[in-house]
Amino acid sequence: MAQFSYIALDPAGKTVRGRLDVSNRGEAYRSLEDRRLTPVNVRSSDDHEAASAKTRSRAMVRLGRAQTILFTEELADLLDAGVQLQQALSIMAERQQSPAVKKVSARVRENLRDGATFAAALREASPTFDELYCNLVAAGEASGSLTKILKRLASSLTILHELQMRVVQAMIYPAFLISACIGLIIVFMTVLMPQLTTLLGSTNQQLPAATQALVDLSQGFATHWWRILLGLAGVFLLWAGLLCLPAGRLWWDFVKVKFPLFGPVFATRYFATLSQGLANLVRNGVPLLSALKLMTRATTNRYYEQQLRKVTEMVQDGEAFSTALKQAKGFPLLMVDLAAVGEQTGDLGRSLEKTAIRYDKELNGRISRLTAMITPVIIVIMAVIVTLVAYSIVTAIFKSVNGIRASG
């Protein structure tokens, strides 16, 4: 008999810790499943096994978003074709072209051979598989719908990945314009303005007001550039320190979703993710309260995490989900109404899935409108800056030419 320490989740989503006296790791996992506990981490008290577990933890491979989608899609396709789970992982470990996916597949297969459930094997193999991912997999194992769950996970991850890529692509052109504008101003300030100042100095002409302001700005930057850099570094460190504080992070996450233009995009993306995650959990047999707790832990925005925790507490006290959403702050009436419809029809999971689809469409529209507005605004700002700089230079040139003619 060996002693194993474990960390697991009970049906209500609470963390449970304890020890088991069993013969091997596989029996430890079976014992936890008999108690309706979802294993998160199971370790032997044996020093050698603990040391090897630490070594495996240090060697964990983290997958990118695209690699996670590839792993999930390929595994779902193999299982759908009738291949057994361990054989599917073996195929991926041998034939997959991505080295990271090969390593993770091999690690998950090793954990399965040690007796772990698939969800626990994923947790121990890579930190990429977060709590939400692993709990969906656990629900799929328990309900016999693992292939279906993996396909839904791949679809959800693909939607989020495409959304992220659309935002990045939409910002490439504005970022290029801003960089070009900054580069042009630097050339004016460091190359043209010193030459122009020298030219005007030789004619004893007084600089026009606009040109003088540009010269002062250029000289100030050339003289105090290190102070400016130190000031920017200090502001950055202060900002980073503020975000490290719980109150500061909560304030910033609140400001992000309330900020004009960009705030609705962040909020809509969260509502789409929340609705899709809850729909996946509820439609695969996870109780609503447990699903809410899982989504609360998976929420990265501290403001919405706080509000969702209030919703969870109200549901735990017996309130209807739609009522709790309505009483909490930040959740739109559309989500409240569709949740109420789902509760009345007895199919909350389907209603939440429809909510996710609605918010996906709304998000696409908001991103399109935002990107359509950003480019013209940046072009106008650039045109104003370039016009002012060009005006100050041309005015100075004309004045110097007139001075030369007068002296001649």
Protein backbone atom coordinates (compact mmCIF):
# COMPACT_ATOMS: atom_id res chain seq x y z
CA MET A 1 0.00 0.00 0.00
CA ALA A 2 1.17 3.51 -0.82
CA GLN A 3 -0.05 6.88 0.35
CA PHE A 4 -1.23 9.43 -2.19
CA SER A 5 -2.07 13.08 -1.52
CA TYR A 6 -4.71 14.61 -3.77
CA ILE A 7 -6.37 17.88 -4.73
CA ALA A 8 -9.83 17.48 -6.27
CA LEU A 9 -13.12 19.29 -6.94
CA ASP A 10 -16.40 18.14 -5.43
CA PRO A 11 -19.71 18.29 -7.37
CA ALA A 12 -20.29 21.85 -6.08
CA GLY A 13 -16.94 23.00 -7.50
CA LYS A 14 -15.16 23.33 -4.12
CA THR A 15 -11.51 22.33 -3.73
CA VAL A 16 -10.97 19.21 -1.60
CA ARG A 17 -7.59 18.01 -0.29
CA GLY A 18 -6.74 14.72 1.40
CA ARG A 19 -4.78 11.47 1.41
CA LEU A 20 -5.51 7.97 0.21
CA ASP A 21 -3.95 4.62 1.18
CA VAL A 22 -4.12 2.59 -2.04
CA SER A 23 -1.86 0.26 -3.98
CA ASN A 24 -1.23 2.42 -7.07
CA ARG A 25 -2.07 5.70 -8.82
CA GLY A 26 -4.83 4.16 -10.93
CA GLU A 27 -6.66 2.94 -7.84
CA ALA A 28 -6.31 6.43 -6.34
CA TYR A 29 -8.08 7.96 -9.35
CA ARG A 30 -10.82 5.30 -9.23
CA SER A 31 -11.33 5.93 -5.53
CA LEU A 32 -11.77 9.66 -6.15
CA GLU A 33 -14.25 8.98 -8.97
CA ASP A 34 -16.27 6.71 -6.65
CA ARG A 35 -16.54 9.66 -4.28
CA ARG A 36 -17.73 11.87 -7.16
CA LEU A 37 -14.57 13.96 -6.90
CA THR A 38 -12.80 15.37 -9.98
CA PRO A 39 -9.02 14.92 -9.51
CA VAL A 40 -6.86 17.96 -10.11
CA ASN A 41 -3.53 16.64 -8.81
CA VAL A 42 -2.62 13.23 -7.36
CA ARG A 43 0.88 12.56 -6.05
CA SER A 44 2.56 9.72 -4.22
CA SER A 45 4.20 10.48 -0.90
CA ASP A 46 7.18 8.46 -2.05
CA ASP A 47 10.20 10.78 -2.31
CA HIS A 48 11.36 9.35 -5.62
CA GLU A 49 7.97 9.75 -7.27
CA ALA A 50 7.59 13.27 -5.86
CA ALA A 51 10.99 14.20 -7.28
CA SER A 52 10.06 12.82 -10.70
CA ALA A 53 6.76 14.72 -10.54
CA LYS A 54 8.67 17.96 -9.95
CA THR A 55 10.93 17.16 -12.86
CA ARG A 56 7.92 16.58 -15.12
CA SER A 57 6.37 19.84 -13.92
CA ARG A 58 9.49 21.79 -14.83
CA ALA A 59 9.54 20.12 -18.28
CA MET A 60 5.94 21.05 -19.06
CA VAL A 61 5.37 22.40 -22.55
CA ARG A 62 3.01 25.32 -23.07
CA LEU A 63 1.01 25.33 -26.31
CA GLY A 64 -0.01 28.43 -28.22
CA ARG A 65 -3.63 29.07 -29.14
CA ALA A 66 -3.19 27.67 -32.66
CA GLN A 67 -1.37 24.58 -31.32
CA THR A 68 -4.11 23.97 -28.75
CA ILE A 69 -6.72 24.09 -31.52
CA LEU A 70 -4.62 21.70 -33.62
CA PHE A 71 -4.27 19.25 -30.71
CA THR A 72 -8.00 19.36 -29.91
CA GLU A 73 -9.18 19.09 -33.53
CA GLU A 74 -6.86 16.23 -34.46
CA LEU A 75 -7.69 14.26 -31.32
CA ALA A 76 -11.43 14.76 -31.92
CA ASP A 77 -11.07 13.60 -35.55
CA LEU A 78 -9.16 10.46 -34.53
CA LEU A 79 -11.69 9.57 -31.83
CA ASP A 80 -14.55 10.23 -34.26
CA ALA A 81 -12.91 7.77 -36.68
CA GLY A 82 -13.09 5.04 -34.04
CA VAL A 83 -9.50 5.17 -32.76
CA GLN A 84 -9.07 4.53 -29.02
CA LEU A 85 -7.85 7.42 -26.89
CA GLN A 86 -4.38 6.07 -26.06
CA GLN A 87 -3.83 4.95 -29.65
CA ALA A 88 -4.93 8.37 -30.91
CA LEU A 89 -2.43 10.09 -28.60
CA SER A 90 0.29 7.66 -29.73
CA ILE A 91 -0.43 8.51 -33.38
CA MET A 92 -0.23 12.22 -32.61
CA ALA A 93 3.01 11.78 -30.66
CA GLU A 94 4.62 9.92 -33.58
CA ARG A 95 3.24 11.72 -36.65
CA GLN A 96 2.41 15.26 -35.57
CA GLN A 97 4.72 17.82 -37.19
CA SER A 98 4.54 20.34 -34.34
CA PRO A 99 7.23 19.41 -31.73
CA ALA A 100 5.23 20.99 -28.90
CA VAL A 101 2.06 19.05 -29.78
CA LYS A 102 4.11 15.83 -30.07
CA LYS A 103 5.58 16.32 -26.58
CA VAL A 104 2.21 17.13 -25.00
CA SER A 105 0.55 14.13 -26.70
CA ALA A 106 3.28 11.82 -25.42
CA ARG A 107 3.04 13.27 -21.91
CA VAL A 108 -0.76 12.88 -21.80
CA ARG A 109 -0.42 9.27 -22.98
CA GLU A 110 2.14 8.55 -20.24
CA ASN A 111 -0.21 9.98 -17.61
CA LEU A 112 -3.06 7.84 -18.94
CA ARG A 113 -0.85 4.75 -18.67
CA ASP A 114 -0.20 5.65 -15.03
CA GLY A 115 -3.93 5.36 -14.40
CA ALA A 116 -4.99 9.00 -14.61
CA THR A 117 -8.26 10.08 -16.14
CA PHE A 118 -7.95 12.02 -19.40
CA ALA A 119 -8.85 15.32 -17.70
CA ALA A 120 -6.25 14.76 -14.97
CA ALA A 121 -3.69 13.67 -17.58
CA LEU A 122 -4.21 16.95 -19.44
CA ARG A 123 -3.78 18.97 -16.23
CA GLU A 124 -0.47 17.28 -15.43
CA ALA A 125 0.80 17.42 -19.02
CA SER A 126 0.62 21.13 -19.75
CA PRO A 127 -0.52 24.38 -18.09
CA THR A 128 -2.16 25.25 -21.43
CA PHE A 129 -5.18 23.14 -20.52
CA ASP A 130 -6.91 25.41 -18.04
CA GLU A 131 -9.57 24.50 -15.51
CA LEU A 132 -12.44 25.16 -17.90
CA TYR A 133 -10.93 22.98 -20.64
CA CYS A 134 -10.19 20.10 -18.26
CA ASN A 135 -13.60 20.23 -16.60
CA LEU A 136 -15.34 20.11 -19.98
CA VAL A 137 -13.23 17.07 -20.83
CA ALA A 138 -14.14 15.49 -17.47
CA ALA A 139 -17.82 16.10 -18.22
CA GLY A 140 -17.35 14.46 -21.62
CA GLU A 141 -15.67 11.43 -20.04
CA ALA A 142 -18.45 11.06 -17.49
CA SER A 143 -21.25 11.40 -20.05
CA GLY A 144 -19.58 9.35 -22.81
CA SER A 145 -19.53 12.30 -25.19
CA LEU A 146 -15.80 13.08 -25.20
CA THR A 147 -15.59 13.37 -28.99
CA LYS A 148 -18.48 15.80 -29.09
CA ILE A 149 -16.97 17.88 -26.27
CA LEU A 150 -13.59 18.04 -28.02
CA LYS A 151 -15.25 19.22 -31.23
CA ARG A 152 -17.11 21.94 -29.33
CA LEU A 153 -13.91 22.97 -27.58
CA ALA A 154 -12.08 23.16 -30.89
CA SER A 155 -14.89 25.27 -32.34
CA SER A 156 -14.91 27.66 -29.33
CA LEU A 157 -11.12 28.01 -29.36
CA THR A 158 -11.16 28.64 -33.11
CA ILE A 159 -13.76 31.40 -32.73
CA LEU A 160 -11.68 33.11 -30.03
CA HIS A 161 -8.49 32.71 -32.07
CA GLU A 162 -10.10 34.15 -35.21
CA LEU A 163 -11.46 37.04 -33.16
CA GLN A 164 -8.01 37.80 -31.78
CA MET A 165 -6.46 37.60 -35.25
CA ARG A 166 -9.13 39.91 -36.72
CA VAL A 167 -8.40 42.50 -34.04
CA VAL A 168 -4.64 42.24 -34.66
CA GLN A 169 -5.05 42.47 -38.45
CA ALA A 170 -7.41 45.41 -38.11
CA MET A 171 -4.81 47.30 -36.07
CA ILE A 172 -1.88 46.63 -38.43
CA TYR A 173 -2.70 49.45 -40.87
CA PRO A 174 -3.40 52.08 -38.15
CA ALA A 175 -0.19 51.05 -36.37
CA PHE A 176 1.74 51.44 -39.64
CA LEU A 177 0.28 54.92 -40.16
CA ILE A 178 1.16 55.98 -36.62
CA SER A 179 4.72 54.64 -37.00
CA ALA A 180 5.12 56.46 -40.32
CA CYS A 181 3.89 59.69 -38.77
CA ILE A 182 6.27 59.39 -35.82
CA GLY A 183 9.16 58.59 -38.20
CA LEU A 184 8.38 61.60 -40.35
CA ILE A 185 8.30 63.92 -37.34
CA ILE A 186 11.64 62.55 -36.11
CA VAL A 187 13.22 63.21 -39.52
CA PHE A 188 11.86 66.76 -39.50
CA MET A 189 13.08 67.41 -35.97
CA THR A 190 16.55 65.83 -36.23
CA VAL A 191 17.54 66.52 -39.87
CA LEU A 192 15.59 69.39 -41.41
CA MET A 193 15.16 71.67 -38.42
CA PRO A 194 18.91 71.95 -37.52
CA GLN A 195 19.73 72.77 -41.15
CA LEU A 196 16.91 75.31 -41.30
CA THR A 197 18.04 76.93 -38.06
CA THR A 198 21.58 77.25 -39.41
CA LEU A 199 20.28 78.79 -42.63
CA LEU A 200 18.15 81.38 -40.83
CA GLY A 201 20.98 82.18 -38.42
CA SER A 202 23.25 83.09 -41.33
CA THR A 203 20.68 85.66 -42.54
CA ASN A 204 20.09 87.10 -39.05
CA GLN A 205 16.35 86.54 -39.52
CA GLN A 206 14.00 85.94 -36.62
CA LEU A 207 12.19 82.60 -36.83
CA PRO A 208 8.42 82.60 -37.30
CA ALA A 209 6.45 81.68 -34.17
CA ALA A 210 5.43 78.24 -35.47
CA THR A 211 8.98 77.42 -36.54
CA GLN A 212 10.43 78.70 -33.25
CA ALA A 213 8.05 76.43 -31.33
CA LEU A 214 9.16 73.47 -33.45
CA VAL A 215 12.84 74.35 -32.93
CA ASP A 216 12.36 74.65 -29.16
CA LEU A 217 10.63 71.29 -29.12
CA SER A 218 13.43 69.71 -31.14
CA GLN A 219 16.17 71.20 -28.94
CA GLY A 220 14.32 70.25 -25.79
CA PHE A 221 14.05 66.65 -26.92
CA ALA A 222 17.73 66.57 -27.96
CA THR A 223 18.84 68.00 -24.59
CA HIS A 224 16.49 66.19 -22.23
CA TRP A 225 15.86 62.91 -24.07
CA TRP A 226 17.24 60.87 -21.18
CA ARG A 227 14.94 62.63 -18.73
CA ILE A 228 12.00 61.89 -21.02
CA LEU A 229 12.98 58.21 -21.21
CA LEU A 230 13.39 58.02 -17.42
CA GLY A 231 10.00 59.67 -16.98
CA LEU A 232 8.36 57.19 -19.35
CA ALA A 233 10.06 54.30 -17.55
CA GLY A 234 8.84 55.65 -14.21
CA VAL A 235 5.29 55.96 -15.51
CA PHE A 236 5.47 52.40 -16.84
CA LEU A 237 6.72 51.04 -13.51
CA LEU A 238 4.04 52.93 -11.59
CA TRP A 239 1.39 51.59 -13.96
CA ALA A 240 2.70 48.03 -13.62
CA GLY A 241 2.71 48.40 -9.83
CA LEU A 242 -0.86 49.69 -9.90
CA LEU A 243 -2.01 46.68 -11.93
CA CYS A 244 -0.29 44.33 -9.46
CA LEU A 245 -2.56 45.64 -6.68
CA PRO A 246 -5.99 43.94 -6.50
CA ALA A 247 -7.79 47.28 -6.25
CA GLY A 248 -5.78 48.72 -9.15
CA ARG A 249 -6.46 45.72 -11.38
CA LEU A 250 -10.16 45.85 -10.51
CA TRP A 251 -10.29 49.58 -11.37
CA TRP A 252 -8.49 49.10 -14.70
CA ASP A 253 -10.67 46.14 -15.74
CA PHE A 254 -13.74 48.28 -14.97
CA VAL A 255 -12.35 51.21 -16.97
CA LYS A 256 -11.57 48.95 -19.95
CA VAL A 257 -15.18 47.85 -20.40
CA LYS A 258 -16.52 51.41 -19.91
CA PHE A 259 -14.02 53.13 -22.21
CA PRO A 260 -15.60 54.77 -25.30
CA LEU A 261 -15.37 52.78 -28.56
CA PHE A 262 -13.12 50.02 -27.19
CA GLY A 263 -15.10 49.22 -24.01
CA PRO A 264 -18.15 47.70 -25.78
CA VAL A 265 -15.82 45.43 -27.78
CA PHE A 266 -14.18 44.07 -24.59
CA ALA A 267 -17.58 43.65 -22.91
CA THR A 268 -19.21 41.92 -25.89
CA ARG A 269 -16.28 39.54 -26.22
CA TYR A 270 -16.64 38.59 -22.56
CA PHE A 271 -20.39 38.01 -22.87
CA ALA A 272 -19.83 35.77 -25.91
CA THR A 273 -17.14 33.77 -24.09
CA LEU A 274 -19.19 33.48 -20.89
CA SER A 275 -22.33 32.36 -22.73
CA GLN A 276 -20.44 29.80 -24.82
CA GLY A 277 -18.58 28.41 -21.81
CA LEU A 278 -21.72 28.08 -19.68
CA ALA A 279 -23.58 26.52 -22.62
CA ASN A 280 -20.85 23.90 -23.12
CA LEU A 281 -20.81 23.01 -19.43
CA VAL A 282 -24.58 22.95 -18.85
CA ARG A 283 -25.37 21.02 -22.05
CA ASN A 284 -22.90 18.32 -21.00
CA GLY A 285 -24.36 17.62 -17.60
CA VAL A 286 -22.45 20.02 -15.35
CA PRO A 287 -24.80 21.61 -12.76
CA LEU A 288 -25.37 25.33 -13.26
CA LEU A 289 -23.81 26.24 -9.90
CA SER A 290 -20.63 24.29 -10.69
CA ALA A 291 -20.54 25.79 -14.18
CA LEU A 292 -20.77 29.30 -12.74
CA LYS A 293 -17.93 28.60 -10.30
CA LEU A 294 -15.76 27.24 -13.10
CA MET A 295 -16.46 30.24 -15.33
CA THR A 296 -15.73 32.58 -12.41
CA ARG A 297 -12.29 31.02 -11.97
CA ALA A 298 -11.69 31.17 -15.74
CA THR A 299 -12.59 34.90 -15.98
CA THR A 300 -9.53 37.13 -16.40
CA ASN A 301 -11.40 40.45 -16.07
CA ARG A 302 -11.52 41.19 -12.32
CA TYR A 303 -14.61 43.42 -12.60
CA TYR A 304 -16.67 40.73 -14.32
CA GLU A 305 -15.18 38.09 -12.04
CA GLN A 306 -16.50 40.06 -9.06
CA GLN A 307 -19.96 40.39 -10.62
CA LEU A 308 -20.09 36.74 -11.66
CA ARG A 309 -19.12 35.72 -8.13
CA LYS A 310 -22.15 37.69 -6.87
CA VAL A 311 -24.34 35.85 -9.38
CA THR A 312 -22.93 32.52 -8.18
CA GLU A 313 -23.64 33.36 -4.54
CA MET A 314 -27.23 34.36 -5.37
CA VAL A 315 -27.82 31.15 -7.34
CA GLN A 316 -26.34 29.18 -4.45
CA ASP A 317 -28.86 30.92 -2.14
CA GLY A 318 -31.74 29.78 -4.35
CA GLU A 319 -32.21 32.69 -6.77
CA ALA A 320 -32.97 31.98 -10.42
CA PHE A 321 -30.04 32.49 -12.77
CA SER A 322 -31.81 35.23 -14.76
CA THR A 323 -32.80 37.04 -11.55
CA ALA A 324 -29.23 36.91 -10.27
CA LEU A 325 -27.92 38.30 -13.58
CA LYS A 326 -30.44 41.13 -13.40
CA GLN A 327 -29.49 42.07 -9.84
CA ALA A 328 -25.75 42.00 -10.51
CA LYS A 329 -24.06 44.86 -12.37
CA GLY A 330 -22.73 44.81 -15.89
CA PHE A 331 -24.84 42.09 -17.52
CA PRO A 332 -27.06 43.26 -20.42
CA LEU A 333 -30.81 42.75 -20.59
CA LEU A 334 -30.46 40.52 -23.66
CA MET A 335 -28.53 37.95 -21.66
CA VAL A 336 -31.00 38.23 -18.78
CA ASP A 337 -34.01 37.76 -21.07
CA LEU A 338 -32.55 34.77 -22.95
CA ALA A 339 -31.52 33.15 -19.65
CA ALA A 340 -35.11 33.60 -18.39
CA VAL A 341 -36.44 31.97 -21.57
CA GLY A 342 -34.06 29.05 -21.09
CA GLU A 343 -35.22 28.57 -17.50
CA GLN A 344 -38.88 28.66 -18.53
CA THR A 345 -38.40 26.14 -21.36
CA GLY A 346 -36.12 23.90 -19.31
CA ASP A 347 -33.28 24.11 -21.84
CA LEU A 348 -30.90 26.69 -20.40
CA GLY A 349 -27.92 25.28 -22.29
CA ARG A 350 -29.52 25.84 -25.69
CA SER A 351 -30.62 29.34 -24.70
CA LEU A 352 -27.08 30.19 -23.60
CA GLU A 353 -25.73 28.87 -26.89
CA LYS A 354 -28.12 31.16 -28.77
CA THR A 355 -26.89 34.02 -26.57
CA ALA A 356 -23.30 33.24 -27.53
CA ILE A 357 -24.22 33.27 -31.23
CA ARG A 358 -25.96 36.63 -30.86
CA TYR A 359 -22.96 38.17 -29.12
CA ASP A 360 -20.55 36.69 -31.67
CA LYS A 361 -22.48 38.47 -34.43
CA GLU A 362 -22.64 41.68 -32.42
CA LEU A 363 -18.92 41.47 -31.75
CA ASN A 364 -18.14 41.11 -35.45
CA GLY A 365 -20.22 44.21 -36.15
CA ARG A 366 -18.55 46.24 -33.40
CA ILE A 367 -15.06 45.29 -34.56
CA SER A 368 -15.93 46.20 -38.17
CA ARG A 369 -17.31 49.59 -37.12
CA LEU A 370 -14.37 50.28 -34.83
CA THR A 371 -11.74 49.46 -37.44
CA ALA A 372 -13.67 51.52 -40.02
CA MET A 373 -13.51 54.53 -37.66
CA ILE A 374 -9.92 54.19 -36.49
CA THR A 375 -8.20 54.53 -39.87
CA PRO A 376 -9.85 57.85 -40.93
CA VAL A 377 -9.27 59.36 -37.49
CA ILE A 378 -5.57 58.47 -37.57
CA ILE A 379 -5.23 59.80 -41.13
CA VAL A 380 -6.82 63.13 -40.09
CA ILE A 381 -4.52 63.44 -37.06
CA MET A 382 -1.49 62.63 -39.22
CA ALA A 383 -2.57 65.18 -41.84
CA VAL A 384 -2.92 67.89 -39.18
CA ILE A 385 0.51 67.14 -37.67
CA VAL A 386 2.27 66.97 -41.05
CA THR A 387 0.53 70.15 -42.21
CA LEU A 388 1.67 72.08 -39.11
CA VAL A 389 5.24 70.86 -39.45
CA ALA A 390 5.31 71.56 -43.20
CA TYR A 391 3.79 75.02 -42.67
CA SER A 392 6.40 75.96 -40.07
CA ILE A 393 9.24 74.80 -42.34
CA VAL A 394 7.93 76.39 -45.53
CA THR A 395 7.25 79.68 -43.71
CA ALA A 396 10.79 79.70 -42.37
CA ILE A 397 12.23 78.95 -45.82
CA PHE A 398 10.28 81.81 -47.44
CA LYS A 399 11.39 84.18 -44.70
CA SER A 400 15.02 83.20 -45.12
CA VAL A 401 14.82 83.63 -48.91
CA ASN A 402 13.28 87.06 -48.50
CA GLY A 403 16.01 87.95 -46.01
CA ILE A 404 18.71 86.89 -48.46
CA ARG A 405 17.13 88.95 -51.26
CA ALA A 406 16.84 92.00 -48.97
CA SER A 407 20.46 91.75 -47.90
CA GLY A 408 21.53 91.30 -51.50
